[in-house]
PDB file of N, CA and C in Angstrom:
ATOM      1  N   MET A   1       1.405 -39.171 -18.611  1.00  0.00           N
ATOM      2  CA  MET A   1       1.949 -37.818 -18.278  1.00  0.00           C
ATOM      3  C   MET A   1       0.565 -37.169 -17.487  1.00  0.00           C
ATOM      4  N   SER A   2       1.043 -36.636 -16.336  1.00  0.00           N
ATOM      5  CA  SER A   2      -0.177 -36.061 -15.509  1.00  0.00           C
ATOM      6  C   SER A   2       0.140 -34.573 -15.614  1.00  0.00           C
ATOM      7  N   THR A   3      -1.037 -33.761 -15.645  1.00  0.00           N
ATOM      8  CA  THR A   3      -0.991 -32.447 -15.489  1.00  0.00           C
ATOM      9  C   THR A   3      -1.715 -32.012 -14.190  1.00  0.00           C
ATOM     10  N   SER A   4      -1.363 -30.989 -13.667  1.00  0.00           N
ATOM     11  CA  SER A   4      -2.043 -30.534 -12.371  1.00  0.00           C
ATOM     12  C   SER A   4      -2.370 -29.087 -12.574  1.00  0.00           C
ATOM     13  N   THR A   5      -3.448 -28.930 -12.333  1.00  0.00           N
ATOM     14  CA  THR A   5      -4.017 -27.436 -12.313  1.00  0.00           C
ATOM     15  C   THR A   5      -3.881 -26.865 -10.989  1.00  0.00           C
ATOM     16  N   VAL A   6      -3.324 -25.744 -10.894  1.00  0.00           N
ATOM     17  CA  VAL A   6      -3.312 -24.850  -9.733  1.00  0.00           C
ATOM     18  C   VAL A   6      -4.218 -23.763  -9.648  1.00  0.00           C
ATOM     19  N   LEU A   7      -5.102 -23.942  -8.763  1.00  0.00           N
ATOM     20  CA  LEU A   7      -6.234 -23.003  -8.898  1.00  0.00           C
ATOM     21  C   LEU A   7      -5.672 -21.611  -8.046  1.00  0.00           C
ATOM     22  N   ALA A   8      -6.059 -20.684  -8.480  1.00  0.00           N
ATOM     23  CA  ALA A   8      -5.629 -19.315  -7.861  1.00  0.00           C
ATOM     24  C   ALA A   8      -6.659 -19.175  -6.590  1.00  0.00           C
ATOM     25  N   PRO A   9      -6.096 -18.619  -5.483  1.00  0.00           N
ATOM     26  CA  PRO A   9      -7.178 -18.579  -4.480  1.00  0.00           C
ATOM     27  C   PRO A   9      -8.041 -17.493  -4.745  1.00  0.00           C
ATOM     28  N   ALA A  10      -9.303 -17.581  -4.156  1.00  0.00           N
ATOM     29  CA  ALA A  10     -10.304 -16.727  -4.221  1.00  0.00           C
ATOM     30  C   ALA A  10     -10.386 -15.488  -3.405  1.00  0.00           C
ATOM     31  N   VAL A  11      -9.383 -15.842  -2.210  1.00  0.00           N
ATOM     32  CA  VAL A  11      -9.241 -14.593  -1.613  1.00  0.00           C
ATOM     33  C   VAL A  11      -7.665 -14.272  -1.271  1.00  0.00           C
ATOM     34  N   LEU A  12      -7.335 -12.907  -1.644  1.00  0.00           N
ATOM     35  CA  LEU A  12      -5.832 -12.782  -1.463  1.00  0.00           C
ATOM     36  C   LEU A  12      -5.380 -11.990  -0.221  1.00  0.00           C
ATOM     37  N   THR A  13      -4.153 -12.228   0.152  1.00  0.00           N
ATOM     38  CA  THR A  13      -3.531 -11.321   1.107  1.00  0.00           C
ATOM     39  C   THR A  13      -3.018 -10.020   0.611  1.00  0.00           C
ATOM     40  N   VAL A  14      -2.494  -8.988   1.225  1.00  0.00           N
ATOM     41  CA  VAL A  14      -2.003  -8.004   0.776  1.00  0.00           C
ATOM     42  C   VAL A  14      -0.554  -8.129   0.042  1.00  0.00           C
ATOM     43  N   PRO A  15       0.255  -9.039   0.486  1.00  0.00           N
ATOM     44  CA  PRO A  15       1.388  -9.545  -0.296  1.00  0.00           C
ATOM     45  C   PRO A  15       1.017 -10.236  -1.617  1.00  0.00           C
ATOM     46  N   GLU A  16      -0.001 -10.934  -1.467  1.00  0.00           N
ATOM     47  CA  GLU A  16      -0.404 -11.658  -2.959  1.00  0.00           C
ATOM     48  C   GLU A  16      -1.169 -10.617  -3.978  1.00  0.00           C
ATOM     49  N   VAL A  17      -1.748  -9.662  -3.397  1.00  0.00           N
ATOM     50  CA  VAL A  17      -2.288  -8.481  -4.373  1.00  0.00           C
ATOM     51  C   VAL A  17      -1.274  -7.653  -4.882  1.00  0.00           C
ATOM     52  N   ALA A  18      -0.265  -7.345  -4.165  1.00  0.00           N
ATOM     53  CA  ALA A  18       0.917  -6.697  -4.550  1.00  0.00           C
ATOM     54  C   ALA A  18       1.854  -7.399  -5.631  1.00  0.00           C
ATOM     55  N   THR A  19       1.806  -8.773  -5.513  1.00  0.00           N
ATOM     56  CA  THR A  19       2.571  -9.490  -6.812  1.00  0.00           C
ATOM     57  C   THR A  19       1.781  -9.526  -7.717  1.00  0.00           C
ATOM     58  N   TYR A  20       0.423  -9.785  -7.706  1.00  0.00           N
ATOM     59  CA  TYR A  20      -0.741  -9.656  -8.807  1.00  0.00           C
ATOM     60  C   TYR A  20      -0.552  -8.474  -9.470  1.00  0.00           C
ATOM     61  N   LEU A  21      -0.631  -7.354  -8.725  1.00  0.00           N
ATOM     62  CA  LEU A  21      -0.664  -5.923  -9.459  1.00  0.00           C
ATOM     63  C   LEU A  21       0.730  -5.518  -9.929  1.00  0.00           C
ATOM     64  N   LYS A  22       1.697  -6.058  -9.410  1.00  0.00           N
ATOM     65  CA  LYS A  22       3.182  -5.734  -9.504  1.00  0.00           C
ATOM     66  C   LYS A  22       3.494  -4.303  -8.991  1.00  0.00           C
ATOM     67  N   VAL A  23       3.081  -4.155  -7.732  1.00  0.00           N
ATOM     68  CA  VAL A  23       3.371  -3.007  -7.029  1.00  0.00           C
ATOM     69  C   VAL A  23       3.749  -3.370  -5.655  1.00  0.00           C
ATOM     70  N   SER A  24       4.262  -2.130  -5.073  1.00  0.00           N
ATOM     71  CA  SER A  24       4.781  -2.780  -3.752  1.00  0.00           C
ATOM     72  C   SER A  24       3.541  -2.847  -2.815  1.00  0.00           C
ATOM     73  N   GLU A  25       3.801  -3.342  -1.462  1.00  0.00           N
ATOM     74  CA  GLU A  25       2.767  -3.860  -0.732  1.00  0.00           C
ATOM     75  C   GLU A  25       2.293  -2.438  -0.026  1.00  0.00           C
ATOM     76  N   ALA A  26       3.153  -1.527   0.247  1.00  0.00           N
ATOM     77  CA  ALA A  26       2.956  -0.189   0.641  1.00  0.00           C
ATOM     78  C   ALA A  26       1.631   0.633  -0.298  1.00  0.00           C
ATOM     79  N   HIS A  27       1.890   0.420  -1.492  1.00  0.00           N
ATOM     80  CA  HIS A  27       1.173   0.882  -2.655  1.00  0.00           C
ATOM     81  C   HIS A  27      -0.291   0.348  -2.343  1.00  0.00           C
ATOM     82  N   VAL A  28      -0.268  -1.079  -2.256  1.00  0.00           N
ATOM     83  CA  VAL A  28      -1.652  -1.762  -2.038  1.00  0.00           C
ATOM     84  C   VAL A  28      -2.242  -1.305  -0.706  1.00  0.00           C
ATOM     85  N   TYR A  29      -1.611  -0.972   0.393  1.00  0.00           N
ATOM     86  CA  TYR A  29      -2.222  -0.542   1.503  1.00  0.00           C
ATOM     87  C   TYR A  29      -2.912   1.017   1.273  1.00  0.00           C
ATOM     88  N   ARG A  30      -2.011   1.793   0.640  1.00  0.00           N
ATOM     89  CA  ARG A  30      -2.516   3.217   0.241  1.00  0.00           C
ATOM     90  C   ARG A  30      -3.785   2.966  -0.548  1.00  0.00           C
ATOM     91  N   LEU A  31      -3.734   2.108  -1.670  1.00  0.00           N
ATOM     92  CA  LEU A  31      -4.962   1.864  -2.265  1.00  0.00           C
ATOM     93  C   LEU A  31      -6.315   1.480  -1.519  1.00  0.00           C
ATOM     94  N   ILE A  32      -6.151   0.365  -0.745  1.00  0.00           N
ATOM     95  CA  ILE A  32      -6.963  -0.042   0.341  1.00  0.00           C
ATOM     96  C   ILE A  32      -7.483   1.215   1.149  1.00  0.00           C
ATOM     97  N   GLN A  33      -6.427   1.926   1.848  1.00  0.00           N
ATOM     98  CA  GLN A  33      -6.931   2.799   2.773  1.00  0.00           C
ATOM     99  C   GLN A  33      -7.793   3.909   2.020  1.00  0.00           C
ATOM    100  N   ARG A  34      -7.432   4.343   0.631  1.00  0.00           N
ATOM    101  CA  ARG A  34      -8.490   5.025  -0.036  1.00  0.00           C
ATOM    102  C   ARG A  34     -10.015   4.817   0.239  1.00  0.00           C
ATOM    103  N   GLY A  35     -10.201   3.481   0.166  1.00  0.00           N
ATOM    104  CA  GLY A  35     -11.724   3.218   0.438  1.00  0.00           C
ATOM    105  C   GLY A  35     -12.404   2.996  -1.120  1.00  0.00           C
ATOM    106  N   GLU A  36     -13.123   2.053  -1.189  1.00  0.00           N
ATOM    107  CA  GLU A  36     -13.594   1.672  -2.157  1.00  0.00           C
ATOM    108  C   GLU A  36     -14.586   2.573  -3.051  1.00  0.00           C
ATOM    109  N   HIS A  37     -15.134   3.531  -2.283  1.00  0.00           N
ATOM    110  CA  HIS A  37     -16.009   4.517  -2.998  1.00  0.00           C
ATOM    111  C   HIS A  37     -15.089   5.824  -3.520  1.00  0.00           C
ATOM    112  N   ASN A  38     -13.801   5.819  -3.018  1.00  0.00           N
ATOM    113  CA  ASN A  38     -12.892   6.752  -3.722  1.00  0.00           C
ATOM    114  C   ASN A  38     -11.898   6.223  -4.519  1.00  0.00           C
ATOM    115  N   GLY A  39     -12.200   5.057  -5.275  1.00  0.00           N
ATOM    116  CA  GLY A  39     -11.338   4.412  -6.315  1.00  0.00           C
ATOM    117  C   GLY A  39     -10.343   3.633  -5.580  1.00  0.00           C
ATOM    118  N   GLY A  40     -10.249   3.293  -4.335  1.00  0.00           N
ATOM    119  CA  GLY A  40      -9.472   2.245  -3.716  1.00  0.00           C
ATOM    120  C   GLY A  40      -9.923   0.852  -3.962  1.00  0.00           C
ATOM    121  N   ILE A  41      -9.084  -0.139  -3.444  1.00  0.00           N
ATOM    122  CA  ILE A  41      -9.398  -1.423  -3.679  1.00  0.00           C
ATOM    123  C   ILE A  41     -10.351  -1.757  -2.657  1.00  0.00           C
ATOM    124  N   PRO A  42     -11.292  -2.512  -3.054  1.00  0.00           N
ATOM    125  CA  PRO A  42     -12.218  -3.119  -1.912  1.00  0.00           C
ATOM    126  C   PRO A  42     -11.634  -4.211  -1.306  1.00  0.00           C
ATOM    127  N   SER A  43     -11.888  -4.117   0.072  1.00  0.00           N
ATOM    128  CA  SER A  43     -10.944  -5.307   0.989  1.00  0.00           C
ATOM    129  C   SER A  43     -11.995  -5.461   2.261  1.00  0.00           C
ATOM    130  N   ARG A  44     -11.728  -6.306   2.941  1.00  0.00           N
ATOM    131  CA  ARG A  44     -12.223  -6.768   4.222  1.00  0.00           C
ATOM    132  C   ARG A  44     -11.351  -7.147   5.156  1.00  0.00           C
ATOM    133  N   LYS A  45     -11.544  -6.836   6.622  1.00  0.00           N
ATOM    134  CA  LYS A  45     -10.628  -7.118   7.562  1.00  0.00           C
ATOM    135  C   LYS A  45     -11.119  -8.492   8.000  1.00  0.00           C
ATOM    136  N   VAL A  46     -10.123  -9.510   8.150  1.00  0.00           N
ATOM    137  CA  VAL A  46     -10.516 -10.887   8.733  1.00  0.00           C
ATOM    138  C   VAL A  46      -9.353 -10.897   9.934  1.00  0.00           C
ATOM    139  N   GLY A  47      -9.899 -10.985  11.284  1.00  0.00           N
ATOM    140  CA  GLY A  47      -8.973 -10.587  12.506  1.00  0.00           C
ATOM    141  C   GLY A  47      -8.438  -9.263  12.157  1.00  0.00           C
ATOM    142  N   ARG A  48      -7.083  -9.435  12.296  1.00  0.00           N
ATOM    143  CA  ARG A  48      -6.174  -8.145  12.033  1.00  0.00           C
ATOM    144  C   ARG A  48      -5.518  -8.039  10.806  1.00  0.00           C
ATOM    145  N   SER A  49      -6.033  -8.890   9.876  1.00  0.00           N
ATOM    146  CA  SER A  49      -5.522  -8.813   8.406  1.00  0.00           C
ATOM    147  C   SER A  49      -6.577  -8.470   7.637  1.00  0.00           C
ATOM    148  N   LEU A  50      -5.941  -7.767   6.366  1.00  0.00           N
ATOM    149  CA  LEU A  50      -6.818  -7.461   5.269  1.00  0.00           C
ATOM    150  C   LEU A  50      -6.845  -8.488   4.346  1.00  0.00           C
ATOM    151  N   ARG A  51      -7.899  -8.733   3.791  1.00  0.00           N
ATOM    152  CA  ARG A  51      -8.251  -9.588   2.635  1.00  0.00           C
ATOM    153  C   ARG A  51      -8.876  -8.888   1.437  1.00  0.00           C
ATOM    154  N   VAL A  52      -8.737  -9.448   0.021  1.00  0.00           N
ATOM    155  CA  VAL A  52      -9.074  -8.873  -1.198  1.00  0.00           C
ATOM    156  C   VAL A  52      -9.743 -10.219  -1.786  1.00  0.00           C
ATOM    157  N   SER A  53     -10.913  -9.995  -2.350  1.00  0.00           N
ATOM    158  CA  SER A  53     -11.510 -11.178  -3.118  1.00  0.00           C
ATOM    159  C   SER A  53     -11.105 -10.880  -4.336  1.00  0.00           C
ATOM    160  N   ARG A  54     -10.436 -12.253  -5.119  1.00  0.00           N
ATOM    161  CA  ARG A  54      -9.864 -11.949  -6.436  1.00  0.00           C
ATOM    162  C   ARG A  54     -10.897 -11.322  -7.405  1.00  0.00           C
ATOM    163  N   ALA A  55     -12.251 -11.825  -7.425  1.00  0.00           N
ATOM    164  CA  ALA A  55     -13.503 -11.238  -8.145  1.00  0.00           C
ATOM    165  C   ALA A  55     -13.468  -9.679  -7.728  1.00  0.00           C
ATOM    166  N   TRP A  56     -13.382  -9.316  -6.649  1.00  0.00           N
ATOM    167  CA  TRP A  56     -13.501  -7.834  -6.459  1.00  0.00           C
ATOM    168  C   TRP A  56     -12.467  -7.217  -7.079  1.00  0.00           C
ATOM    169  N   LEU A  57     -11.178  -7.654  -7.087  1.00  0.00           N
ATOM    170  CA  LEU A  57     -10.004  -7.086  -7.663  1.00  0.00           C
ATOM    171  C   LEU A  57     -10.062  -7.318  -9.070  1.00  0.00           C
ATOM    172  N   ASP A  58     -10.432  -8.055  -9.586  1.00  0.00           N
ATOM    173  CA  ASP A  58     -10.397  -8.305 -11.116  1.00  0.00           C
ATOM    174  C   ASP A  58     -11.612  -7.237 -11.445  1.00  0.00           C
ATOM    175  N   GLU A  59     -12.647  -7.192 -11.099  1.00  0.00           N
ATOM    176  CA  GLU A  59     -13.609  -6.170 -11.320  1.00  0.00           C
ATOM    177  C   GLU A  59     -13.105  -5.069 -11.191  1.00  0.00           C
ATOM    178  N   TRP A  60     -12.267  -4.475 -10.214  1.00  0.00           N
ATOM    179  CA  TRP A  60     -11.632  -2.994  -9.759  1.00  0.00           C
ATOM    180  C   TRP A  60     -10.685  -2.890 -10.927  1.00  0.00           C
ATOM    181  N   ILE A  61     -10.036  -3.744 -11.457  1.00  0.00           N
ATOM    182  CA  ILE A  61      -9.165  -3.733 -12.546  1.00  0.00           C
ATOM    183  C   ILE A  61      -9.929  -3.487 -14.045  1.00  0.00           C
ATOM    184  N   ALA A  62     -10.809  -4.229 -14.155  1.00  0.00           N
ATOM    185  CA  ALA A  62     -11.478  -4.283 -15.308  1.00  0.00           C
ATOM    186  C   ALA A  62     -12.247  -2.850 -15.363  1.00  0.00           C
ATOM    187  N   ASN A  63     -12.864  -2.332 -14.344  1.00  0.00           N
ATOM    188  CA  ASN A  63     -13.625  -0.964 -14.550  1.00  0.00           C
ATOM    189  C   ASN A  63     -12.906  -0.028 -14.341  1.00  0.00           C
ATOM    190  N   GLY A  64     -11.766   0.040 -13.518  1.00  0.00           N
ATOM    191  CA  GLY A  64     -10.885   1.166 -13.370  1.00  0.00           C
ATOM    192  C   GLY A  64     -11.558   1.771 -12.019  1.00  0.00           C
ATOM    193  N   PRO A  65     -10.677   2.557 -11.456  1.00  0.00           N
ATOM    194  CA  PRO A  65     -11.097   3.148 -10.138  1.00  0.00           C
ATOM    195  C   PRO A  65     -12.399   4.396 -10.589  1.00  0.00           C
ATOM    196  N   PRO A  66     -13.264   4.568  -9.701  1.00  0.00           N
ATOM    197  CA  PRO A  66     -14.189   5.735 -10.238  1.00  0.00           C
ATOM    198  C   PRO A  66     -13.460   7.040 -10.195  1.00  0.00           C
ATOM    199  N   LEU A  67     -13.664   7.926 -11.163  1.00  0.00           N
ATOM    200  CA  LEU A  67     -13.275   9.297 -10.921  1.00  0.00           C
ATOM    201  C   LEU A  67     -13.988  10.286 -10.083  1.00  0.00           C
ATOM    202  N   ALA A  68     -13.409  11.109  -9.460  1.00  0.00           N
ATOM    203  CA  ALA A  68     -14.356  12.002  -8.328  1.00  0.00           C
ATOM    204  C   ALA A  68     -15.048  12.805  -9.448  1.00  0.00           C
ATOM    205  N   GLY A  69     -16.331  13.072  -9.021  1.00  0.00           N
ATOM    206  CA  GLY A  69     -17.364  13.663  -9.922  1.00  0.00           C
ATOM    207  C   GLY A  69     -17.767  13.273 -11.220  1.00  0.00           C
ATOM    208  N   ARG A  70     -17.279  12.158 -11.554  1.00  0.00           N
ATOM    209  CA  ARG A  70     -17.681  11.364 -12.883  1.00  0.00           C
ATOM    210  C   ARG A  70     -19.158  10.948 -12.739  1.00  0.00           C
ATOM    211  N   SER A  71     -19.986  11.221 -13.483  1.00  0.00           N
ATOM    212  CA  SER A  71     -21.335  10.660 -13.478  1.00  0.00           C
ATOM    213  C   SER A  71     -21.470   9.326 -14.262  1.00  0.00           C
ATOM    214  N   SER A  72     -22.460   8.773 -14.090  1.00  0.00           N
ATOM    215  CA  SER A  72     -22.772   7.412 -14.342  1.00  0.00           C
ATOM    216  C   SER A  72     -22.760   7.211 -15.952  1.00  0.00           C
ATOM    217  N   GLU A  73     -22.280   6.099 -16.556  1.00  0.00           N
ATOM    218  CA  GLU A  73     -22.241   6.077 -17.949  1.00  0.00           C
ATOM    219  C   GLU A  73     -23.481   6.138 -18.458  1.00  0.00           C
ATOM    220  N   PHE A  74     -24.517   5.937 -17.470  1.00  0.00           N
ATOM    221  CA  PHE A  74     -25.997   6.111 -18.441  1.00  0.00           C
ATOM    222  C   PHE A  74     -26.273   7.682 -18.306  1.00  0.00           C
ATOM    223  N   ASP A  75     -25.593   8.526 -17.751  1.00  0.00           N
ATOM    224  CA  ASP A  75     -25.900  10.106 -17.954  1.00  0.00           C
ATOM    225  C   ASP A  75     -25.085  10.644 -19.091  1.00  0.00           C
ATOM    226  N   SER A  76     -24.326   9.783 -19.731  1.00  0.00           N
ATOM    227  CA  SER A  76     -23.508  10.318 -20.903  1.00  0.00           C
ATOM    228  C   SER A  76     -24.459  11.022 -21.919  1.00  0.00           C
ATOM    229  N   PRO A  77     -23.997  11.976 -22.354  1.00  0.00           N
ATOM    230  CA  PRO A  77     -24.678  12.918 -23.360  1.00  0.00           C
ATOM    231  C   PRO A  77     -25.049  12.025 -24.711  1.00  0.00           C
ATOM    232  N   ALA A  78     -24.372  11.134 -24.863  1.00  0.00           N
ATOM    233  CA  ALA A  78     -24.688  10.289 -26.124  1.00  0.00           C
ATOM    234  C   ALA A  78     -25.680   9.309 -25.956  1.00  0.00           C
ATOM    235  N   LEU A  79     -25.970   9.064 -24.642  1.00  0.00           N
ATOM    236  CA  LEU A  79     -27.122   8.107 -24.236  1.00  0.00           C
ATOM    237  C   LEU A  79     -28.505   8.745 -24.085  1.00  0.00           C
ATOM    238  N   ILE A  80     -28.251  10.170 -23.760  1.00  0.00           N
ATOM    239  CA  ILE A  80     -29.462  11.130 -23.444  1.00  0.00           C
ATOM    240  C   ILE A  80     -29.907  11.765 -24.734  1.00  0.00           C
ATOM    241  N   GLY A  81     -30.804  11.531 -25.282  1.00  0.00           N
ATOM    242  CA  GLY A  81     -31.332  11.962 -26.542  1.00  0.00           C
ATOM    243  C   GLY A  81     -30.526  12.097 -27.455  1.00  0.00           C
TER     244      GLY A  81
END
């Protein structure tokens, strides 16, 4: 019996990101438009299309979008003195 491994692509299109996150494509475009420094999904343009690195997306999911005005975790009062 042969088993085949399907590798997930390293770079995703907007429809693939929408499927991965289980949200609409319009919502993915809004998250990308926000910009990565404002809590949006990091992306790059390839020609006229947007692409998202699966590694960037997984990191964005794991760390959550940054909150406006939130200081670094190293500035936490628990870590200072």
